[in-house]
C-alpha atoms as a PDB file:
ATOM      1  CA  MET A   1     -66.142  -3.428 -27.908  1.00  0.00           C
ATOM      2  CA  VAL A   2     -62.878  -5.266 -28.561  1.00  0.00           C
ATOM      3  CA  GLU A   3     -62.622  -6.660 -32.075  1.00  0.00           C
ATOM      4  CA  ARG A   4     -60.277  -9.642 -32.072  1.00  0.00           C
ATOM      5  CA  ARG A   5     -58.587 -10.662 -35.294  1.00  0.00           C
ATOM      6  CA  ARG A   6     -56.373 -13.634 -36.076  1.00  0.00           C
ATOM      7  CA  VAL A   7     -53.550 -14.787 -38.283  1.00  0.00           C
ATOM      8  CA  ASP A   8     -53.737 -18.425 -39.387  1.00  0.00           C
ATOM      9  CA  LEU A   9     -50.497 -20.380 -38.990  1.00  0.00           C
ATOM     10  CA  THR A  10     -49.322 -23.860 -39.960  1.00  0.00           C
ATOM     11  CA  VAL A  11     -48.093 -26.384 -37.400  1.00  0.00           C
ATOM     12  CA  ARG A  12     -45.066 -28.590 -37.883  1.00  0.00           C
ATOM     13  CA  ALA A  13     -44.074 -31.164 -35.280  1.00  0.00           C
ATOM     14  CA  GLY A  14     -40.545 -30.684 -34.053  1.00  0.00           C
ATOM     15  CA  SER A  15     -38.474 -33.012 -31.927  1.00  0.00           C
ATOM     16  CA  GLY A  16     -39.698 -34.337 -28.597  1.00  0.00           C
ATOM     17  CA  ASP A  17     -42.390 -32.115 -27.115  1.00  0.00           C
ATOM     18  CA  THR A  18     -41.723 -29.146 -29.428  1.00  0.00           C
ATOM     19  CA  VAL A  19     -43.786 -27.841 -32.347  1.00  0.00           C
ATOM     20  CA  LEU A  20     -43.171 -24.965 -34.749  1.00  0.00           C
ATOM     21  CA  VAL A  21     -45.982 -22.722 -35.936  1.00  0.00           C
ATOM     22  CA  ARG A  22     -45.418 -20.275 -38.760  1.00  0.00           C
ATOM     23  CA  ALA A  23     -47.051 -17.949 -41.233  1.00  0.00           C
ATOM     24  CA  SER A  24     -47.516 -19.472 -44.665  1.00  0.00           C
ATOM     25  CA  ASN A  25     -45.423 -16.855 -46.466  1.00  0.00           C
ATOM     26  CA  ASP A  26     -43.252 -13.792 -45.957  1.00  0.00           C
ATOM     27  CA  GLN A  27     -46.297 -11.521 -45.760  1.00  0.00           C
ATOM     28  CA  ILE A  28     -48.289 -11.790 -42.549  1.00  0.00           C
ATOM     29  CA  VAL A  29     -52.011 -11.249 -43.163  1.00  0.00           C
ATOM     30  CA  ASP A  30     -55.076 -11.742 -41.016  1.00  0.00           C
ATOM     31  CA  HIS A  31     -58.094 -13.830 -41.992  1.00  0.00           C
ATOM     32  CA  TYR A  32     -59.599 -10.773 -43.772  1.00  0.00           C
ATOM     33  CA  GLY A  33     -56.467 -10.327 -45.919  1.00  0.00           C
ATOM     34  CA  THR A  34     -55.199  -7.211 -44.144  1.00  0.00           C
ATOM     35  CA  VAL A  35     -51.402  -7.035 -43.857  1.00  0.00           C
ATOM     36  CA  ILE A  36     -49.816  -6.797 -40.404  1.00  0.00           C
ATOM     37  CA  THR A  37     -46.457  -5.104 -40.304  1.00  0.00           C
ATOM     38  CA  THR A  38     -43.594  -6.933 -38.649  1.00  0.00           C
ATOM     39  CA  GLU A  39     -42.944  -3.754 -36.668  1.00  0.00           C
ATOM     40  CA  ALA A  40     -46.459  -3.880 -35.175  1.00  0.00           C
ATOM     41  CA  LEU A  41     -46.026  -7.537 -34.210  1.00  0.00           C
ATOM     42  CA  MET A  42     -42.607  -6.952 -32.655  1.00  0.00           C
ATOM     43  CA  ARG A  43     -43.471  -3.666 -30.930  1.00  0.00           C
ATOM     44  CA  ASP A  44     -47.096  -4.211 -29.878  1.00  0.00           C
ATOM     45  CA  TRP A  45     -48.219  -7.869 -30.008  1.00  0.00           C
ATOM     46  CA  TRP A  46     -44.964  -9.247 -28.587  1.00  0.00           C
ATOM     47  CA  GLN A  47     -44.960  -6.692 -25.751  1.00  0.00           C
ATOM     48  CA  GLY A  48     -48.284  -8.063 -24.489  1.00  0.00           C
ATOM     49  CA  TYR A  49     -47.764 -11.722 -25.354  1.00  0.00           C
ATOM     50  CA  ALA A  50     -44.305 -11.876 -23.731  1.00  0.00           C
ATOM     51  CA  GLN A  51     -45.977 -11.361 -20.358  1.00  0.00           C
ATOM     52  CA  HIS A  52     -47.662 -14.779 -20.445  1.00  0.00           C
ATOM     53  CA  ARG A  53     -46.364 -16.768 -23.490  1.00  0.00           C
ATOM     54  CA  THR A  54     -49.014 -19.418 -22.911  1.00  0.00           C
ATOM     55  CA  VAL A  55     -50.685 -21.404 -25.689  1.00  0.00           C
ATOM     56  CA  SER A  56     -54.261 -22.687 -25.570  1.00  0.00           C
ATOM     57  CA  LEU A  57     -56.088 -25.384 -27.521  1.00  0.00           C
ATOM     58  CA  GLN A  58     -59.112 -24.067 -29.397  1.00  0.00           C
ATOM     59  CA  HIS A  59     -61.898 -26.406 -30.470  1.00  0.00           C
ATOM     60  CA  ASN A  60     -63.757 -25.334 -33.580  1.00  0.00           C
ATOM     61  CA  LEU A  61     -65.619 -28.608 -34.213  1.00  0.00           C
ATOM     62  CA  PRO A  62     -65.660 -30.555 -30.916  1.00  0.00           C
ATOM     63  CA  GLU A  63     -68.818 -32.488 -31.820  1.00  0.00           C
ATOM     64  CA  LEU A  64     -67.234 -33.823 -35.022  1.00  0.00           C
ATOM     65  CA  ARG A  65     -63.615 -34.203 -34.010  1.00  0.00           C
ATOM     66  CA  GLY A  66     -63.894 -35.059 -30.317  1.00  0.00           C
ATOM     67  CA  ILE A  67     -61.284 -32.493 -29.247  1.00  0.00           C
ATOM     68  CA  GLU A  68     -61.999 -30.348 -26.207  1.00  0.00           C
ATOM     69  CA  GLY A  69     -60.445 -26.903 -25.856  1.00  0.00           C
ATOM     70  CA  ARG A  70     -58.062 -26.249 -22.966  1.00  0.00           C
ATOM     71  CA  PRO A  71     -56.031 -23.317 -21.679  1.00  0.00           C
ATOM     72  CA  ASN A  72     -52.280 -23.439 -21.093  1.00  0.00           C
ATOM     73  CA  VAL A  73     -51.350 -26.539 -23.131  1.00  0.00           C
ATOM     74  CA  GLY A  74     -47.988 -25.069 -24.102  1.00  0.00           C
ATOM     75  CA  ARG A  75     -45.504 -22.247 -23.759  1.00  0.00           C
ATOM     76  CA  ALA A  76     -43.774 -20.245 -26.482  1.00  0.00           C
ATOM     77  CA  THR A  77     -40.022 -20.661 -26.086  1.00  0.00           C
ATOM     78  CA  ARG A  78     -38.887 -18.722 -29.175  1.00  0.00           C
ATOM     79  CA  VAL A  79     -40.517 -16.152 -31.445  1.00  0.00           C
ATOM     80  CA  ASP A  80     -38.863 -15.072 -34.700  1.00  0.00           C
ATOM     81  CA  PHE A  81     -40.260 -12.366 -36.976  1.00  0.00           C
ATOM     82  CA  ALA A  82     -37.902 -12.590 -39.961  1.00  0.00           C
ATOM     83  CA  PRO A  83     -38.110 -13.632 -42.721  1.00  0.00           C
ATOM     84  CA  GLN A  84     -41.534 -14.943 -41.637  1.00  0.00           C
ATOM     85  CA  LEU A  85     -43.335 -15.262 -38.341  1.00  0.00           C
ATOM     86  CA  GLU A  86     -42.263 -18.469 -36.595  1.00  0.00           C
ATOM     87  CA  VAL A  87     -42.963 -19.544 -33.009  1.00  0.00           C
ATOM     88  CA  GLU A  88     -41.447 -22.533 -31.252  1.00  0.00           C
ATOM     89  CA  ILE A  89     -43.792 -24.049 -28.663  1.00  0.00           C
ATOM     90  CA  LYS A  90     -42.992 -26.473 -25.881  1.00  0.00           C
ATOM     91  CA  VAL A  91     -46.152 -28.557 -25.544  1.00  0.00           C
ATOM     92  CA  LEU A  92     -46.893 -29.249 -21.872  1.00  0.00           C
ATOM     93  CA  ASP A  93     -49.816 -31.634 -22.432  1.00  0.00           C
ATOM     94  CA  PRO A  94     -48.880 -35.122 -23.802  1.00  0.00           C
ATOM     95  CA  GLN A  95     -52.404 -35.631 -25.209  1.00  0.00           C
ATOM     96  CA  VAL A  96     -52.095 -32.442 -27.257  1.00  0.00           C
ATOM     97  CA  MET A  97     -48.685 -33.525 -28.552  1.00  0.00           C
ATOM     98  CA  GLU A  98     -50.228 -36.809 -29.685  1.00  0.00           C
ATOM     99  CA  LEU A  99     -52.981 -34.859 -31.508  1.00  0.00           C
ATOM    100  CA  VAL A 100     -50.270 -32.888 -33.338  1.00  0.00           C
ATOM    101  CA  ARG A 101     -48.321 -36.026 -34.267  1.00  0.00           C
ATOM    102  CA  SER A 102     -51.464 -37.778 -35.507  1.00  0.00           C
ATOM    103  CA  GLY A 103     -52.400 -34.788 -37.682  1.00  0.00           C
ATOM    104  CA  LYS A 104     -55.594 -33.904 -35.801  1.00  0.00           C
ATOM    105  CA  ILE A 105     -54.058 -30.554 -34.845  1.00  0.00           C
ATOM    106  CA  GLY A 106     -52.613 -29.002 -37.989  1.00  0.00           C
ATOM    107  CA  SER A 107     -52.965 -25.281 -37.583  1.00  0.00           C
ATOM    108  CA  ALA A 108     -52.556 -22.471 -35.115  1.00  0.00           C
ATOM    109  CA  SER A 109     -53.922 -18.988 -34.639  1.00  0.00           C
ATOM    110  CA  LEU A 110     -52.249 -15.785 -33.498  1.00  0.00           C
ATOM    111  CA  GLU A 111     -54.870 -13.509 -31.945  1.00  0.00           C
ATOM    112  CA  PHE A 112     -54.617  -9.725 -31.712  1.00  0.00           C
ATOM    113  CA  VAL A 113     -56.671  -6.551 -31.448  1.00  0.00           C
ATOM    114  CA  PRO A 114     -55.950  -3.891 -34.101  1.00  0.00           C
ATOM    115  CA  LEU A 115     -55.811  -0.251 -33.007  1.00  0.00           C
ATOM    116  CA  GLU A 116     -54.908   1.572 -36.227  1.00  0.00           C
ATOM    117  CA  THR A 117     -54.818   0.781 -39.911  1.00  0.00           C
ATOM    118  CA  GLU A 118     -53.592   2.809 -42.840  1.00  0.00           C
ATOM    119  CA  ARG A 119     -53.484   2.451 -46.607  1.00  0.00           C
ATOM    120  CA  ARG A 120     -50.008   2.396 -48.112  1.00  0.00           C
ATOM    121  CA  ALA A 121     -47.823   0.735 -50.688  1.00  0.00           C
ATOM    122  CA  TYR A 122     -46.766  -2.665 -49.381  1.00  0.00           C
ATOM    123  CA  ALA A 123     -45.099  -5.652 -51.048  1.00  0.00           C
ATOM    124  CA  GLY A 124     -45.773  -4.418 -54.563  1.00  0.00           C
ATOM    125  CA  ALA A 125     -49.399  -3.381 -54.008  1.00  0.00           C
ATOM    126  CA  ASP A 126     -50.167   0.290 -54.671  1.00  0.00           C
ATOM    127  CA  GLN A 127     -52.612   0.692 -51.801  1.00  0.00           C
ATOM    128  CA  ALA A 128     -52.899  -2.112 -49.270  1.00  0.00           C
ATOM    129  CA  GLU A 129     -54.743  -2.027 -45.957  1.00  0.00           C
ATOM    130  CA  VAL A 130     -52.049  -2.370 -43.286  1.00  0.00           C
ATOM    131  CA  TYR A 131     -52.294  -2.768 -39.511  1.00  0.00           C
ATOM    132  CA  HIS A 132     -49.492  -0.756 -38.017  1.00  0.00           C
ATOM    133  CA  ARG A 133     -50.641  -0.480 -34.381  1.00  0.00           C
ATOM    134  CA  LEU A 134     -51.938  -3.408 -32.295  1.00  0.00           C
ATOM    135  CA  SER A 135     -53.075  -3.523 -28.699  1.00  0.00           C
ATOM    136  CA  PRO A 136     -50.158  -4.449 -26.395  1.00  0.00           C
ATOM    137  CA  GLU A 137     -52.510  -5.536 -23.578  1.00  0.00           C
ATOM    138  CA  PRO A 138     -51.770  -9.152 -22.544  1.00  0.00           C
ATOM    139  CA  GLU A 139     -55.468 -10.079 -22.654  1.00  0.00           C
ATOM    140  CA  HIS A 140     -55.597  -8.893 -26.299  1.00  0.00           C
ATOM    141  CA  THR A 141     -52.706 -11.108 -27.441  1.00  0.00           C
ATOM    142  CA  GLY A 142     -52.832 -14.847 -27.853  1.00  0.00           C
ATOM    143  CA  LEU A 143     -51.571 -17.952 -29.542  1.00  0.00           C
ATOM    144  CA  SER A 144     -53.651 -21.102 -29.926  1.00  0.00           C
ATOM    145  CA  LEU A 145     -53.379 -24.524 -31.492  1.00  0.00           C
ATOM    146  CA  VAL A 146     -56.514 -25.155 -33.547  1.00  0.00           C
ATOM    147  CA  ASP A 147     -58.254 -28.423 -34.439  1.00  0.00           C
ATOM    148  CA  VAL A 148     -59.119 -27.566 -38.051  1.00  0.00           C
ATOM    149  CA  PRO A 149     -56.808 -26.485 -40.875  1.00  0.00           C
ATOM    150  CA  GLY A 150     -56.620 -22.692 -40.912  1.00  0.00           C
ATOM    151  CA  VAL A 151     -54.251 -22.173 -43.836  1.00  0.00           C
ATOM    152  CA  PRO A 152     -55.250 -23.429 -47.288  1.00  0.00           C
ATOM    153  CA  GLY A 153     -53.136 -26.430 -48.185  1.00  0.00           C
ATOM    154  CA  ALA A 154     -51.752 -26.773 -44.660  1.00  0.00           C
END
């Protein structure tokens, strides 16, 4: 069974039909608090994601917020891993861009499948759980805009 994990990202509207999504700090962690090394993202996640670069719209609360999920609402045009994860997205769907501008879409999610973890010193912690190998399969990598805030204080 494939166990998908995610990293919550903030969304910032850019100019025109472009948005930026980024990790909230210099340390990239999943929703369980496990650190993901930049090397694993660059080597494994990016290898799979680069094959499609598409962005979907996920709907976590469609009955309350009236937002329906859709595939392929955007395309990643730039991915930067330093000093923090940042992805520039060209939004292809004008309705989705309006949802971003109005604040109804305020977060994003990077999806991945971990293959290996290890415990090691990381960013000042003596023993942190660290993902250092991710699945590079395109169907195991993803990037979505999400209709509820995913990062505290986003």
